[in-house]
Amino acid sequence: MTRRGFSVNCIFSMATMPQFVPSEVVHDLDFPQREAAFFYGLFLRGHSADKLRRDIEVPPVVLAKWHREAERDPQLRDIFTRMVDYRRHVLAIFDILVGSDSHHLRVQ
């Protein structure tokens, strides 16, 4: 601290500190059905299934960023892997819901 009372520490120090992942975020990854149901609700309201699939998928740019972050901090690798697996699971459930919906539409 200086005489004026402001910190002279680097303001960027937080960027190098280990990331804390709140426990509620980790627990949210246990229920992909909820998120798939949310996206399915959007589909039923007229949103494009392809656009929703793109929203569910993790974009390649984000995957590359997460890969770089995991190389810098190996502790993040597990959570990133879990997040990608979760999104893939959400997408699989969403595809099943959309497929079953289109099947019912053809029968009628």
PDB file of N, CA and C in Angstrom:
ATOM      1  N   MET A   1       0.839  -1.180   0.000  1.00  0.00           N
ATOM      2  CA  MET A   1       0.000   0.000   0.000  1.00  0.00           C
ATOM      3  C   MET A   1       0.885   1.246   0.000  1.00  0.00           C
ATOM      4  N   THR A   2       0.416   2.242  -0.676  1.00  0.00           N
ATOM      5  CA  THR A   2       1.120   3.520  -0.672  1.00  0.00           C
ATOM      6  C   THR A   2       0.516   4.414   0.400  1.00  0.00           C
ATOM      7  N   ARG A   3       1.100   5.605   0.551  1.00  0.00           N
ATOM      8  CA  ARG A   3       0.569   6.534   1.551  1.00  0.00           C
ATOM      9  C   ARG A   3      -0.867   6.943   1.227  1.00  0.00           C
ATOM     10  N   ARG A   4      -1.227   6.924  -0.035  1.00  0.00           N
ATOM     11  CA  ARG A   4      -2.582   7.331  -0.420  1.00  0.00           C
ATOM     12  C   ARG A   4      -3.594   6.204  -0.222  1.00  0.00           C
ATOM     13  N   GLY A   5      -3.142   5.027   0.077  1.00  0.00           N
ATOM     14  CA  GLY A   5      -4.054   3.944   0.403  1.00  0.00           C
ATOM     15  C   GLY A   5      -4.483   3.066  -0.751  1.00  0.00           C
ATOM     16  N   PHE A   6      -3.810   3.136  -1.888  1.00  0.00           N
ATOM     17  CA  PHE A   6      -4.182   2.210  -2.954  1.00  0.00           C
ATOM     18  C   PHE A   6      -3.080   1.184  -3.151  1.00  0.00           C
ATOM     19  N   SER A   7      -3.472   0.046  -3.608  1.00  0.00           N
ATOM     20  CA  SER A   7      -2.561  -1.084  -3.741  1.00  0.00           C
ATOM     21  C   SER A   7      -1.630  -0.893  -4.928  1.00  0.00           C
ATOM     22  N   VAL A   8      -0.379  -1.294  -4.753  1.00  0.00           N
ATOM     23  CA  VAL A   8       0.575  -1.236  -5.856  1.00  0.00           C
ATOM     24  C   VAL A   8       0.827  -2.623  -6.430  1.00  0.00           C
ATOM     25  N   ASN A   9       0.083  -3.608  -5.957  1.00  0.00           N
ATOM     26  CA  ASN A   9       0.218  -4.957  -6.494  1.00  0.00           C
ATOM     27  C   ASN A   9      -0.333  -5.000  -7.907  1.00  0.00           C
ATOM     28  N   CYS A  10       0.165  -5.919  -8.665  1.00  0.00           N
ATOM     29  CA  CYS A  10      -0.285  -6.083 -10.048  1.00  0.00           C
ATOM     30  C   CYS A  10      -1.769  -6.452 -10.069  1.00  0.00           C
ATOM     31  N   ILE A  11      -2.536  -5.743 -10.872  1.00  0.00           N
ATOM     32  CA  ILE A  11      -3.970  -6.030 -10.951  1.00  0.00           C
ATOM     33  C   ILE A  11      -4.253  -7.322 -11.697  1.00  0.00           C
ATOM     34  N   PHE A  12      -3.247  -7.862 -12.369  1.00  0.00           N
ATOM     35  CA  PHE A  12      -3.433  -9.076 -13.145  1.00  0.00           C
ATOM     36  C   PHE A  12      -3.086 -10.335 -12.366  1.00  0.00           C
ATOM     37  N   SER A  13      -2.779 -10.211 -11.094  1.00  0.00           N
ATOM     38  CA  SER A  13      -2.372 -11.386 -10.318  1.00  0.00           C
ATOM     39  C   SER A  13      -3.474 -12.435 -10.243  1.00  0.00           C
ATOM     40  N   MET A  14      -4.726 -12.025 -10.296  1.00  0.00           N
ATOM     41  CA  MET A  14      -5.834 -12.974 -10.217  1.00  0.00           C
ATOM     42  C   MET A  14      -5.850 -13.919 -11.413  1.00  0.00           C
ATOM     43  N   ALA A  15      -5.344 -13.487 -12.545  1.00  0.00           N
ATOM     44  CA  ALA A  15      -5.374 -14.317 -13.746  1.00  0.00           C
ATOM     45  C   ALA A  15      -4.493 -15.553 -13.606  1.00  0.00           C
ATOM     46  N   THR A  16      -3.498 -15.479 -12.739  1.00  0.00           N
ATOM     47  CA  THR A  16      -2.585 -16.612 -12.587  1.00  0.00           C
ATOM     48  C   THR A  16      -2.947 -17.509 -11.411  1.00  0.00           C
ATOM     49  N   MET A  17      -3.943 -17.112 -10.650  1.00  0.00           N
ATOM     50  CA  MET A  17      -4.346 -17.910  -9.492  1.00  0.00           C
ATOM     51  C   MET A  17      -5.185 -19.097  -9.944  1.00  0.00           C
ATOM     52  N   PRO A  18      -5.131 -20.202  -9.204  1.00  0.00           N
ATOM     53  CA  PRO A  18      -5.949 -21.367  -9.560  1.00  0.00           C
ATOM     54  C   PRO A  18      -7.432 -21.011  -9.559  1.00  0.00           C
ATOM     55  N   GLN A  19      -8.144 -21.598 -10.483  1.00  0.00           N
ATOM     56  CA  GLN A  19      -9.576 -21.356 -10.604  1.00  0.00           C
ATOM     57  C   GLN A  19     -10.335 -22.216  -9.599  1.00  0.00           C
ATOM     58  N   PHE A  20     -11.330 -21.636  -8.970  1.00  0.00           N
ATOM     59  CA  PHE A  20     -12.203 -22.370  -8.058  1.00  0.00           C
ATOM     60  C   PHE A  20     -13.514 -22.622  -8.777  1.00  0.00           C
ATOM     61  N   VAL A  21     -13.937 -23.858  -8.821  1.00  0.00           N
ATOM     62  CA  VAL A  21     -15.201 -24.213  -9.451  1.00  0.00           C
ATOM     63  C   VAL A  21     -16.209 -24.472  -8.335  1.00  0.00           C
ATOM     64  N   PRO A  22     -17.244 -23.622  -8.243  1.00  0.00           N
ATOM     65  CA  PRO A  22     -18.236 -23.813  -7.175  1.00  0.00           C
ATOM     66  C   PRO A  22     -18.886 -25.187  -7.247  1.00  0.00           C
ATOM     67  N   SER A  23     -19.211 -25.729  -6.088  1.00  0.00           N
ATOM     68  CA  SER A  23     -19.774 -27.080  -6.041  1.00  0.00           C
ATOM     69  C   SER A  23     -21.110 -27.165  -6.758  1.00  0.00           C
ATOM     70  N   GLU A  24     -21.904 -26.078  -6.760  1.00  0.00           N
ATOM     71  CA  GLU A  24     -23.188 -26.139  -7.458  1.00  0.00           C
ATOM     72  C   GLU A  24     -23.009 -26.284  -8.963  1.00  0.00           C
ATOM     73  N   VAL A  25     -21.907 -25.765  -9.506  1.00  0.00           N
ATOM     74  CA  VAL A  25     -21.627 -25.941 -10.936  1.00  0.00           C
ATOM     75  C   VAL A  25     -21.328 -27.407 -11.220  1.00  0.00           C
ATOM     76  N   VAL A  26     -20.540 -28.026 -10.372  1.00  0.00           N
ATOM     77  CA  VAL A  26     -20.209 -29.438 -10.547  1.00  0.00           C
ATOM     78  C   VAL A  26     -21.468 -30.286 -10.444  1.00  0.00           C
ATOM     79  N   HIS A  27     -22.355 -29.962  -9.503  1.00  0.00           N
ATOM     80  CA  HIS A  27     -23.591 -30.730  -9.346  1.00  0.00           C
ATOM     81  C   HIS A  27     -24.539 -30.517 -10.517  1.00  0.00           C
ATOM     82  N   ASP A  28     -24.508 -29.336 -11.137  1.00  0.00           N
ATOM     83  CA  ASP A  28     -25.345 -29.089 -12.315  1.00  0.00           C
ATOM     84  C   ASP A  28     -24.976 -30.019 -13.457  1.00  0.00           C
ATOM     85  N   LEU A  29     -23.741 -30.468 -13.483  1.00  0.00           N
ATOM     86  CA  LEU A  29     -23.292 -31.368 -14.550  1.00  0.00           C
ATOM     87  C   LEU A  29     -23.842 -32.780 -14.371  1.00  0.00           C
ATOM     88  N   ASP A  30     -24.534 -33.020 -13.273  1.00  0.00           N
ATOM     89  CA  ASP A  30     -25.111 -34.339 -13.020  1.00  0.00           C
ATOM     90  C   ASP A  30     -26.491 -34.521 -13.655  1.00  0.00           C
ATOM     91  N   PHE A  31     -27.060 -33.457 -14.215  1.00  0.00           N
ATOM     92  CA  PHE A  31     -28.433 -33.522 -14.715  1.00  0.00           C
ATOM     93  C   PHE A  31     -28.560 -32.983 -16.140  1.00  0.00           C
ATOM     94  N   PRO A  32     -28.004 -33.676 -17.115  1.00  0.00           N
ATOM     95  CA  PRO A  32     -28.107 -33.184 -18.496  1.00  0.00           C
ATOM     96  C   PRO A  32     -29.543 -33.213 -19.018  1.00  0.00           C
ATOM     97  N   GLN A  33     -30.399 -34.023 -18.400  1.00  0.00           N
ATOM     98  CA  GLN A  33     -31.795 -34.101 -18.832  1.00  0.00           C
ATOM     99  C   GLN A  33     -32.486 -32.746 -18.683  1.00  0.00           C
ATOM    100  N   ARG A  34     -32.149 -32.015 -17.629  1.00  0.00           N
ATOM    101  CA  ARG A  34     -32.767 -30.702 -17.404  1.00  0.00           C
ATOM    102  C   ARG A  34     -32.434 -29.745 -18.540  1.00  0.00           C
ATOM    103  N   GLU A  35     -31.173 -29.697 -18.897  1.00  0.00           N
ATOM    104  CA  GLU A  35     -30.777 -28.774 -19.960  1.00  0.00           C
ATOM    105  C   GLU A  35     -31.327 -29.224 -21.305  1.00  0.00           C
ATOM    106  N   ALA A  36     -31.339 -30.523 -21.555  1.00  0.00           N
ATOM    107  CA  ALA A  36     -31.916 -31.030 -22.803  1.00  0.00           C
ATOM    108  C   ALA A  36     -33.399 -30.678 -22.867  1.00  0.00           C
ATOM    109  N   ALA A  37     -34.097 -30.779 -21.746  1.00  0.00           N
ATOM    110  CA  ALA A  37     -35.516 -30.424 -21.702  1.00  0.00           C
ATOM    111  C   ALA A  37     -35.714 -28.934 -21.979  1.00  0.00           C
ATOM    112  N   PHE A  38     -34.812 -28.111 -21.474  1.00  0.00           N
ATOM    113  CA  PHE A  38     -34.878 -26.673 -21.743  1.00  0.00           C
ATOM    114  C   PHE A  38     -34.770 -26.408 -23.244  1.00  0.00           C
ATOM    115  N   PHE A  39     -33.767 -27.009 -23.885  1.00  0.00           N
ATOM    116  CA  PHE A  39     -33.587 -26.815 -25.325  1.00  0.00           C
ATOM    117  C   PHE A  39     -34.751 -27.412 -26.114  1.00  0.00           C
ATOM    118  N   TYR A  40     -35.290 -28.522 -25.652  1.00  0.00           N
ATOM    119  CA  TYR A  40     -36.440 -29.131 -26.316  1.00  0.00           C
ATOM    120  C   TYR A  40     -37.653 -28.200 -26.224  1.00  0.00           C
ATOM    121  N   GLY A  41     -37.808 -27.538 -25.092  1.00  0.00           N
ATOM    122  CA  GLY A  41     -38.879 -26.552 -24.950  1.00  0.00           C
ATOM    123  C   GLY A  41     -38.739 -25.426 -25.958  1.00  0.00           C
ATOM    124  N   LEU A  42     -37.507 -24.979 -26.189  1.00  0.00           N
ATOM    125  CA  LEU A  42     -37.270 -23.954 -27.210  1.00  0.00           C
ATOM    126  C   LEU A  42     -37.624 -24.481 -28.597  1.00  0.00           C
ATOM    127  N   PHE A  43     -37.281 -25.738 -28.848  1.00  0.00           N
ATOM    128  CA  PHE A  43     -37.618 -26.367 -30.126  1.00  0.00           C
ATOM    129  C   PHE A  43     -39.132 -26.394 -30.323  1.00  0.00           C
ATOM    130  N   LEU A  44     -39.862 -26.754 -29.287  1.00  0.00           N
ATOM    131  CA  LEU A  44     -41.324 -26.809 -29.379  1.00  0.00           C
ATOM    132  C   LEU A  44     -41.938 -25.428 -29.603  1.00  0.00           C
ATOM    133  N   ARG A  45     -41.207 -24.387 -29.206  1.00  0.00           N
ATOM    134  CA  ARG A  45     -41.688 -23.020 -29.410  1.00  0.00           C
ATOM    135  C   ARG A  45     -41.285 -22.462 -30.775  1.00  0.00           C
ATOM    136  N   GLY A  46     -40.690 -23.314 -31.617  1.00  0.00           N
ATOM    137  CA  GLY A  46     -40.410 -22.897 -32.989  1.00  0.00           C
ATOM    138  C   GLY A  46     -38.965 -22.594 -33.326  1.00  0.00           C
ATOM    139  N   HIS A  47     -38.055 -22.755 -32.385  1.00  0.00           N
ATOM    140  CA  HIS A  47     -36.639 -22.522 -32.691  1.00  0.00           C
ATOM    141  C   HIS A  47     -36.109 -23.663 -33.550  1.00  0.00           C
ATOM    142  N   SER A  48     -35.189 -23.354 -34.425  1.00  0.00           N
ATOM    143  CA  SER A  48     -34.605 -24.344 -35.329  1.00  0.00           C
ATOM    144  C   SER A  48     -33.795 -25.382 -34.547  1.00  0.00           C
ATOM    145  N   ALA A  49     -34.022 -26.655 -34.868  1.00  0.00           N
ATOM    146  CA  ALA A  49     -33.274 -27.735 -34.205  1.00  0.00           C
ATOM    147  C   ALA A  49     -31.783 -27.612 -34.497  1.00  0.00           C
ATOM    148  N   ASP A  50     -31.426 -27.239 -35.724  1.00  0.00           N
ATOM    149  CA  ASP A  50     -30.005 -27.105 -36.067  1.00  0.00           C
ATOM    150  C   ASP A  50     -29.351 -25.963 -35.298  1.00  0.00           C
ATOM    151  N   LYS A  51     -30.049 -24.844 -35.154  1.00  0.00           N
ATOM    152  CA  LYS A  51     -29.505 -23.722 -34.387  1.00  0.00           C
ATOM    153  C   LYS A  51     -29.339 -24.123 -32.922  1.00  0.00           C
ATOM    154  N   LEU A  52     -30.306 -24.835 -32.390  1.00  0.00           N
ATOM    155  CA  LEU A  52     -30.210 -25.286 -30.997  1.00  0.00           C
ATOM    156  C   LEU A  52     -29.066 -26.273 -30.818  1.00  0.00           C
ATOM    157  N   ARG A  53     -28.850 -27.140 -31.797  1.00  0.00           N
ATOM    158  CA  ARG A  53     -27.710 -28.075 -31.725  1.00  0.00           C
ATOM    159  C   ARG A  53     -26.396 -27.304 -31.679  1.00  0.00           C
ATOM    160  N   ARG A  54     -26.300 -26.251 -32.496  1.00  0.00           N
ATOM    161  CA  ARG A  54     -25.077 -25.432 -32.480  1.00  0.00           C
ATOM    162  C   ARG A  54     -24.895 -24.756 -31.123  1.00  0.00           C
ATOM    163  N   ASP A  55     -26.009 -24.363 -30.502  1.00  0.00           N
ATOM    164  CA  ASP A  55     -25.924 -23.740 -29.177  1.00  0.00           C
ATOM    165  C   ASP A  55     -25.500 -24.742 -28.105  1.00  0.00           C
ATOM    166  N   ILE A  56     -25.911 -25.980 -28.256  1.00  0.00           N
ATOM    167  CA  ILE A  56     -25.571 -27.016 -27.274  1.00  0.00           C
ATOM    168  C   ILE A  56     -24.112 -27.439 -27.409  1.00  0.00           C
ATOM    169  N   GLU A  57     -23.636 -27.587 -28.638  1.00  0.00           N
ATOM    170  CA  GLU A  57     -22.262 -28.049 -28.868  1.00  0.00           C
ATOM    171  C   GLU A  57     -21.251 -27.039 -28.337  1.00  0.00           C
ATOM    172  N   VAL A  58     -20.097 -27.540 -27.938  1.00  0.00           N
ATOM    173  CA  VAL A  58     -18.997 -26.669 -27.544  1.00  0.00           C
ATOM    174  C   VAL A  58     -18.231 -26.325 -28.818  1.00  0.00           C
ATOM    175  N   PRO A  59     -18.166 -25.032 -29.176  1.00  0.00           N
ATOM    176  CA  PRO A  59     -17.488 -24.643 -30.420  1.00  0.00           C
ATOM    177  C   PRO A  59     -16.006 -25.014 -30.404  1.00  0.00           C
ATOM    178  N   PRO A  60     -15.440 -25.310 -31.584  1.00  0.00           N
ATOM    179  CA  PRO A  60     -14.019 -25.671 -31.662  1.00  0.00           C
ATOM    180  C   PRO A  60     -13.089 -24.616 -31.065  1.00  0.00           C
ATOM    181  N   VAL A  61     -13.439 -23.343 -31.201  1.00  0.00           N
ATOM    182  CA  VAL A  61     -12.606 -22.275 -30.636  1.00  0.00           C
ATOM    183  C   VAL A  61     -12.550 -22.400 -29.115  1.00  0.00           C
ATOM    184  N   VAL A  62     -13.681 -22.706 -28.511  1.00  0.00           N
ATOM    185  CA  VAL A  62     -13.737 -22.870 -27.051  1.00  0.00           C
ATOM    186  C   VAL A  62     -12.970 -24.121 -26.636  1.00  0.00           C
ATOM    187  N   LEU A  63     -13.119 -25.199 -27.404  1.00  0.00           N
ATOM    188  CA  LEU A  63     -12.363 -26.423 -27.101  1.00  0.00           C
ATOM    189  C   LEU A  63     -10.863 -26.158 -27.127  1.00  0.00           C
ATOM    190  N   ALA A  64     -10.407 -25.403 -28.124  1.00  0.00           N
ATOM    191  CA  ALA A  64      -8.980 -25.078 -28.220  1.00  0.00           C
ATOM    192  C   ALA A  64      -8.533 -24.240 -27.024  1.00  0.00           C
ATOM    193  N   LYS A  65      -9.361 -23.285 -26.620  1.00  0.00           N
ATOM    194  CA  LYS A  65      -9.026 -22.447 -25.462  1.00  0.00           C
ATOM    195  C   LYS A  65      -8.946 -23.296 -24.198  1.00  0.00           C
ATOM    196  N   TRP A  66      -9.928 -24.183 -24.013  1.00  0.00           N
ATOM    197  CA  TRP A  66      -9.916 -25.048 -22.831  1.00  0.00           C
ATOM    198  C   TRP A  66      -8.696 -25.958 -22.834  1.00  0.00           C
ATOM    199  N   HIS A  67      -8.305 -26.425 -24.008  1.00  0.00           N
ATOM    200  CA  HIS A  67      -7.122 -27.285 -24.107  1.00  0.00           C
ATOM    201  C   HIS A  67      -5.876 -26.515 -23.658  1.00  0.00           C
ATOM    202  N   ARG A  68      -5.746 -25.271 -24.112  1.00  0.00           N
ATOM    203  CA  ARG A  68      -4.598 -24.447 -23.699  1.00  0.00           C
ATOM    204  C   ARG A  68      -4.622 -24.195 -22.193  1.00  0.00           C
ATOM    205  N   GLU A  69      -5.808 -23.893 -21.661  1.00  0.00           N
ATOM    206  CA  GLU A  69      -5.936 -23.658 -20.219  1.00  0.00           C
ATOM    207  C   GLU A  69      -5.565 -24.911 -19.422  1.00  0.00           C
ATOM    208  N   ALA A  70      -5.986 -26.071 -19.913  1.00  0.00           N
ATOM    209  CA  ALA A  70      -5.691 -27.329 -19.219  1.00  0.00           C
ATOM    210  C   ALA A  70      -4.201 -27.646 -19.259  1.00  0.00           C
ATOM    211  N   GLU A  71      -3.521 -27.219 -20.324  1.00  0.00           N
ATOM    212  CA  GLU A  71      -2.067 -27.422 -20.371  1.00  0.00           C
ATOM    213  C   GLU A  71      -1.375 -26.560 -19.327  1.00  0.00           C
ATOM    214  N   ARG A  72      -1.886 -25.348 -19.114  1.00  0.00           N
ATOM    215  CA  ARG A  72      -1.306 -24.454 -18.115  1.00  0.00           C
ATOM    216  C   ARG A  72      -1.652 -24.886 -16.696  1.00  0.00           C
ATOM    217  N   ASP A  73      -2.876 -25.372 -16.514  1.00  0.00           N
ATOM    218  CA  ASP A  73      -3.332 -25.789 -15.186  1.00  0.00           C
ATOM    219  C   ASP A  73      -3.980 -27.166 -15.298  1.00  0.00           C
ATOM    220  N   PRO A  74      -3.200 -28.236 -15.104  1.00  0.00           N
ATOM    221  CA  PRO A  74      -3.721 -29.600 -15.270  1.00  0.00           C
ATOM    222  C   PRO A  74      -4.931 -29.924 -14.394  1.00  0.00           C
ATOM    223  N   GLN A  75      -5.131 -29.203 -13.300  1.00  0.00           N
ATOM    224  CA  GLN A  75      -6.296 -29.449 -12.448  1.00  0.00           C
ATOM    225  C   GLN A  75      -7.598 -29.134 -13.175  1.00  0.00           C
ATOM    226  N   LEU A  76      -7.538 -28.278 -14.177  1.00  0.00           N
ATOM    227  CA  LEU A  76      -8.741 -27.914 -14.929  1.00  0.00           C
ATOM    228  C   LEU A  76      -9.130 -28.971 -15.960  1.00  0.00           C
ATOM    229  N   ARG A  77      -8.208 -29.834 -16.313  1.00  0.00           N
ATOM    230  CA  ARG A  77      -8.466 -30.829 -17.360  1.00  0.00           C
ATOM    231  C   ARG A  77      -9.700 -31.678 -17.046  1.00  0.00           C
ATOM    232  N   ASP A  78      -9.823 -32.132 -15.810  1.00  0.00           N
ATOM    233  CA  ASP A  78     -10.963 -32.976 -15.438  1.00  0.00           C
ATOM    234  C   ASP A  78     -12.291 -32.244 -15.591  1.00  0.00           C
ATOM    235  N   ILE A  79     -12.349 -30.988 -15.136  1.00  0.00           N
ATOM    236  CA  ILE A  79     -13.612 -30.256 -15.225  1.00  0.00           C
ATOM    237  C   ILE A  79     -13.951 -29.941 -16.679  1.00  0.00           C
ATOM    238  N   PHE A  80     -12.953 -29.604 -17.493  1.00  0.00           N
ATOM    239  CA  PHE A  80     -13.217 -29.340 -18.912  1.00  0.00           C
ATOM    240  C   PHE A  80     -13.704 -30.604 -19.614  1.00  0.00           C
ATOM    241  N   THR A  81     -13.068 -31.732 -19.310  1.00  0.00           N
ATOM    242  CA  THR A  81     -13.494 -33.004 -19.902  1.00  0.00           C
ATOM    243  C   THR A  81     -14.924 -33.316 -19.491  1.00  0.00           C
ATOM    244  N   ARG A  82     -15.216 -33.078 -18.237  1.00  0.00           N
ATOM    245  CA  ARG A  82     -16.573 -33.336 -17.740  1.00  0.00           C
ATOM    246  C   ARG A  82     -17.595 -32.426 -18.412  1.00  0.00           C
ATOM    247  N   MET A  83     -17.228 -31.168 -18.630  1.00  0.00           N
ATOM    248  CA  MET A  83     -18.140 -30.230 -19.277  1.00  0.00           C
ATOM    249  C   MET A  83     -18.411 -30.630 -20.727  1.00  0.00           C
ATOM    250  N   VAL A  84     -17.377 -31.052 -21.438  1.00  0.00           N
ATOM    251  CA  VAL A  84     -17.558 -31.483 -22.831  1.00  0.00           C
ATOM    252  C   VAL A  84     -18.423 -32.740 -22.881  1.00  0.00           C
ATOM    253  N   ASP A  85     -18.150 -33.693 -22.011  1.00  0.00           N
ATOM    254  CA  ASP A  85     -18.976 -34.909 -21.961  1.00  0.00           C
ATOM    255  C   ASP A  85     -20.427 -34.572 -21.640  1.00  0.00           C
ATOM    256  N   TYR A  86     -20.612 -33.639 -20.721  1.00  0.00           N
ATOM    257  CA  TYR A  86     -21.963 -33.206 -20.350  1.00  0.00           C
ATOM    258  C   TYR A  86     -22.695 -32.624 -21.558  1.00  0.00           C
ATOM    259  N   ARG A  87     -22.031 -31.733 -22.294  1.00  0.00           N
ATOM    260  CA  ARG A  87     -22.673 -31.107 -23.461  1.00  0.00           C
ATOM    261  C   ARG A  87     -23.000 -32.153 -24.525  1.00  0.00           C
ATOM    262  N   ARG A  88     -22.120 -33.111 -24.709  1.00  0.00           N
ATOM    263  CA  ARG A  88     -22.401 -34.186 -25.670  1.00  0.00           C
ATOM    264  C   ARG A  88     -23.607 -35.013 -25.225  1.00  0.00           C
ATOM    265  N   HIS A  89     -23.721 -35.240 -23.938  1.00  0.00           N
ATOM    266  CA  HIS A  89     -24.859 -35.986 -23.398  1.00  0.00           C
ATOM    267  C   HIS A  89     -26.151 -35.185 -23.591  1.00  0.00           C
ATOM    268  N   VAL A  90     -26.093 -33.877 -23.320  1.00  0.00           N
ATOM    269  CA  VAL A  90     -27.256 -33.011 -23.545  1.00  0.00           C
ATOM    270  C   VAL A  90     -27.678 -33.081 -25.005  1.00  0.00           C
ATOM    271  N   LEU A  91     -26.712 -33.017 -25.908  1.00  0.00           N
ATOM    272  CA  LEU A  91     -27.013 -33.070 -27.341  1.00  0.00           C
ATOM    273  C   LEU A  91     -27.644 -34.404 -27.724  1.00  0.00           C
ATOM    274  N   ALA A  92     -27.142 -35.494 -27.180  1.00  0.00           N
ATOM    275  CA  ALA A  92     -27.702 -36.815 -27.487  1.00  0.00           C
ATOM    276  C   ALA A  92     -29.152 -36.913 -27.002  1.00  0.00           C
ATOM    277  N   ILE A  93     -29.417 -36.423 -25.802  1.00  0.00           N
ATOM    278  CA  ILE A  93     -30.786 -36.446 -25.276  1.00  0.00           C
ATOM    279  C   ILE A  93     -31.686 -35.561 -26.129  1.00  0.00           C
ATOM    280  N   PHE A  94     -31.194 -34.376 -26.479  1.00  0.00           N
ATOM    281  CA  PHE A  94     -31.968 -33.457 -27.318  1.00  0.00           C
ATOM    282  C   PHE A  94     -32.308 -34.108 -28.657  1.00  0.00           C
ATOM    283  N   ASP A  95     -31.334 -34.763 -29.276  1.00  0.00           N
ATOM    284  CA  ASP A  95     -31.577 -35.438 -30.558  1.00  0.00           C
ATOM    285  C   ASP A  95     -32.640 -36.527 -30.427  1.00  0.00           C
ATOM    286  N   ILE A  96     -32.621 -37.253 -29.326  1.00  0.00           N
ATOM    287  CA  ILE A  96     -33.643 -38.286 -29.097  1.00  0.00           C
ATOM    288  C   ILE A  96     -35.023 -37.642 -28.968  1.00  0.00           C
ATOM    289  N   LEU A  97     -35.099 -36.545 -28.205  1.00  0.00           N
ATOM    290  CA  LEU A  97     -36.383 -35.862 -28.029  1.00  0.00           C
ATOM    291  C   LEU A  97     -36.908 -35.303 -29.347  1.00  0.00           C
ATOM    292  N   VAL A  98     -36.041 -34.680 -30.115  1.00  0.00           N
ATOM    293  CA  VAL A  98     -36.453 -34.116 -31.401  1.00  0.00           C
ATOM    294  C   VAL A  98     -36.843 -35.232 -32.359  1.00  0.00           C
ATOM    295  N   GLY A  99     -36.086 -36.323 -32.345  1.00  0.00           N
ATOM    296  CA  GLY A  99     -36.407 -37.462 -33.205  1.00  0.00           C
ATOM    297  C   GLY A  99     -37.732 -38.092 -32.844  1.00  0.00           C
ATOM    298  N   SER A 100     -38.003 -38.214 -31.557  1.00  0.00           N
ATOM    299  CA  SER A 100     -39.278 -38.813 -31.144  1.00  0.00           C
ATOM    300  C   SER A 100     -40.433 -37.876 -31.470  1.00  0.00           C
ATOM    301  N   ASP A 101     -40.187 -36.561 -31.397  1.00  0.00           N
ATOM    302  CA  ASP A 101     -41.231 -35.598 -31.729  1.00  0.00           C
ATOM    303  C   ASP A 101     -41.569 -35.655 -33.214  1.00  0.00           C
ATOM    304  N   SER A 102     -40.563 -35.744 -34.069  1.00  0.00           N
ATOM    305  CA  SER A 102     -40.828 -35.805 -35.510  1.00  0.00           C
ATOM    306  C   SER A 102     -41.485 -37.133 -35.883  1.00  0.00           C
ATOM    307  N   HIS A 103     -41.178 -38.199 -35.142  1.00  0.00           N
ATOM    308  CA  HIS A 103     -41.811 -39.494 -35.387  1.00  0.00           C
ATOM    309  C   HIS A 103     -43.305 -39.413 -35.086  1.00  0.00           C
ATOM    310  N   HIS A 104     -43.661 -38.750 -33.987  1.00  0.00           N
ATOM    311  CA  HIS A 104     -45.078 -38.603 -33.633  1.00  0.00           C
ATOM    312  C   HIS A 104     -45.809 -37.731 -34.650  1.00  0.00           C
ATOM    313  N   LEU A 105     -45.118 -36.749 -35.197  1.00  0.00           N
ATOM    314  CA  LEU A 105     -45.761 -35.886 -36.182  1.00  0.00           C
ATOM    315  C   LEU A 105     -46.086 -36.650 -37.457  1.00  0.00           C
ATOM    316  N   ARG A 106     -45.220 -37.568 -37.858  1.00  0.00           N
ATOM    317  CA  ARG A 106     -45.457 -38.345 -39.075  1.00  0.00           C
ATOM    318  C   ARG A 106     -46.631 -39.305 -38.913  1.00  0.00           C
ATOM    319  N   VAL A 107     -46.807 -39.845 -37.719  1.00  0.00           N
ATOM    320  CA  VAL A 107     -47.866 -40.820 -37.473  1.00  0.00           C
ATOM    321  C   VAL A 107     -49.233 -40.157 -37.594  1.00  0.00           C
ATOM    322  N   GLN A 108     -49.355 -38.946 -37.123  1.00  0.00           N
ATOM    323  CA  GLN A 108     -50.644 -38.255 -37.156  1.00  0.00           C
ATOM    324  C   GLN A 108     -50.931 -37.923 -38.557  1.00  0.00           C
TER     325      GLN A 108
END
